[in-house]
Amino acid sequence: MDVEKTIEFILEQQAATAAEFQDLKTQIHELREIAAAHERDLQVHTDWKVAISEAVHDLATTTKAAFEIVAAKQRDLAEQQKTTQENLNILIQTVQDILPRLPKQ
């Protein structure tokens, strides 16, 4: 066995291993940058979804409150309409009772 060839083989293997390690370090660095970019994108999308969810919840709450107000006003209006109809019926009956008693002209 030739010592010089063995040393040369070992040095070549070390150089190849060092190059592979450097490539791996570069790939790991690139992957970390990609992962960080994806994390930032994910955070932006998450923030956006949270904001949309809050806006939808606020809209639903406001809409529900508005419908409750409208329903209450409709109930009030229906009650007032009923009272108005009763008063109108009384007035009509009163006029119908008075008309036959008026002198004819």
Protein backbone atom coordinates (compact mmCIF):
# COMPACT_ATOMS: atom_id res chain seq x y z
CA MET A 1 0.00 0.00 0.00
CA ASP A 2 1.33 3.36 -1.00
CA VAL A 3 1.17 5.89 1.86
CA GLU A 4 1.11 8.89 -0.45
CA LYS A 5 -1.85 7.49 -2.41
CA THR A 6 -3.64 6.75 0.85
CA ILE A 7 -3.00 10.28 2.13
CA GLU A 8 -4.10 11.71 -1.23
CA PHE A 9 -7.29 9.57 -1.13
CA ILE A 10 -8.05 10.69 2.43
CA LEU A 11 -7.46 14.35 1.50
CA GLU A 12 -9.73 14.00 -1.55
CA GLN A 13 -12.41 12.40 0.60
CA GLN A 14 -12.09 15.19 3.18
CA ALA A 15 -12.33 17.81 0.43
CA ALA A 16 -15.40 16.07 -1.04
CA THR A 17 -16.97 15.78 2.40
CA ALA A 18 -16.19 19.45 3.13
CA ALA A 19 -17.78 20.46 -0.19
CA GLU A 20 -20.86 18.36 0.58
CA PHE A 21 -21.07 19.92 4.05
CA GLN A 22 -20.83 23.38 2.49
CA ASP A 23 -23.60 22.48 0.03
CA LEU A 24 -25.72 21.19 2.89
CA LYS A 25 -25.09 24.37 4.91
CA THR A 26 -26.14 26.44 1.90
CA GLN A 27 -29.27 24.35 1.39
CA ILE A 28 -30.15 24.55 5.08
CA HIS A 29 -29.69 28.34 5.01
CA GLU A 30 -31.95 28.59 1.93
CA LEU A 31 -34.55 26.35 3.55
CA ARG A 32 -34.50 28.49 6.69
CA GLU A 33 -35.08 31.61 4.59
CA ILE A 34 -37.96 29.92 2.76
CA ALA A 35 -39.44 28.72 6.05
CA ALA A 36 -39.14 32.22 7.53
CA ALA A 37 -40.87 33.70 4.48
CA HIS A 38 -43.66 31.12 4.78
CA GLU A 39 -44.02 31.90 8.47
CA ARG A 40 -44.35 35.61 7.69
CA ASP A 41 -46.93 34.84 4.99
CA LEU A 42 -48.80 32.53 7.33
CA GLN A 43 -48.83 35.22 10.02
CA VAL A 44 -50.15 37.79 7.55
CA HIS A 45 -52.90 35.41 6.43
CA THR A 46 -53.72 34.50 10.02
CA ASP A 47 -53.94 38.18 10.99
CA TRP A 48 -56.11 38.81 7.94
CA LYS A 49 -58.44 35.92 8.80
CA VAL A 50 -58.70 37.07 12.40
CA ALA A 51 -59.56 40.61 11.26
CA ILE A 52 -62.18 39.29 8.83
CA SER A 53 -63.66 37.03 11.52
CA GLU A 54 -63.88 39.94 13.95
CA ALA A 55 -65.49 42.14 11.28
CA VAL A 56 -68.04 39.42 10.45
CA HIS A 57 -68.78 38.93 14.15
CA ASP A 58 -69.24 42.70 14.63
CA LEU A 59 -71.49 42.83 11.56
CA ALA A 60 -73.57 39.92 12.83
CA THR A 61 -73.90 41.54 16.26
CA THR A 62 -74.89 44.89 14.75
CA THR A 63 -77.34 43.25 12.36
CA LYS A 64 -78.94 41.25 15.15
CA ALA A 65 -79.32 44.38 17.27
CA ALA A 66 -80.82 46.27 14.32
CA PHE A 67 -83.30 43.47 13.63
CA GLU A 68 -84.30 43.43 17.29
CA ILE A 69 -84.93 47.19 17.14
CA VAL A 70 -86.94 46.84 13.92
CA ALA A 71 -88.97 43.97 15.41
CA ALA A 72 -89.74 46.03 18.52
CA LYS A 73 -90.79 49.00 16.40
CA GLN A 74 -92.98 46.75 14.25
CA ARG A 75 -94.68 45.41 17.39
CA ASP A 76 -95.24 49.00 18.59
CA LEU A 77 -96.57 49.98 15.18
CA ALA A 78 -98.92 46.98 15.12
CA GLU A 79 -100.23 47.91 18.57
CA GLN A 80 -100.72 51.53 17.49
CA GLN A 81 -102.47 50.35 14.32
CA LYS A 82 -104.78 48.21 16.43
CA THR A 83 -105.58 51.16 18.69
CA THR A 84 -106.12 53.41 15.66
CA GLN A 85 -108.46 50.83 14.08
CA GLU A 86 -110.43 50.53 17.32
CA ASN A 87 -110.74 54.33 17.57
CA LEU A 88 -111.77 54.53 13.92
CA ASN A 89 -114.41 51.84 14.45
CA ILE A 90 -115.76 53.78 17.45
CA LEU A 91 -115.85 56.96 15.38
CA ILE A 92 -117.62 55.20 12.50
CA GLN A 93 -120.16 53.68 14.87
CA THR A 94 -120.74 57.06 16.52
CA VAL A 95 -121.28 58.76 13.18
CA GLN A 96 -123.62 55.97 12.06
CA ASP A 97 -125.58 56.38 15.30
CA ILE A 98 -125.80 60.16 14.90
CA LEU A 99 -126.70 60.30 11.21
CA PRO A 100 -130.22 58.83 11.49
CA ARG A 101 -131.03 61.30 14.27
CA LEU A 102 -130.01 64.39 12.31
CA PRO A 103 -132.85 66.37 10.86
CA LYS A 104 -133.29 65.97 7.14
CA GLN A 105 -132.72 69.09 5.17
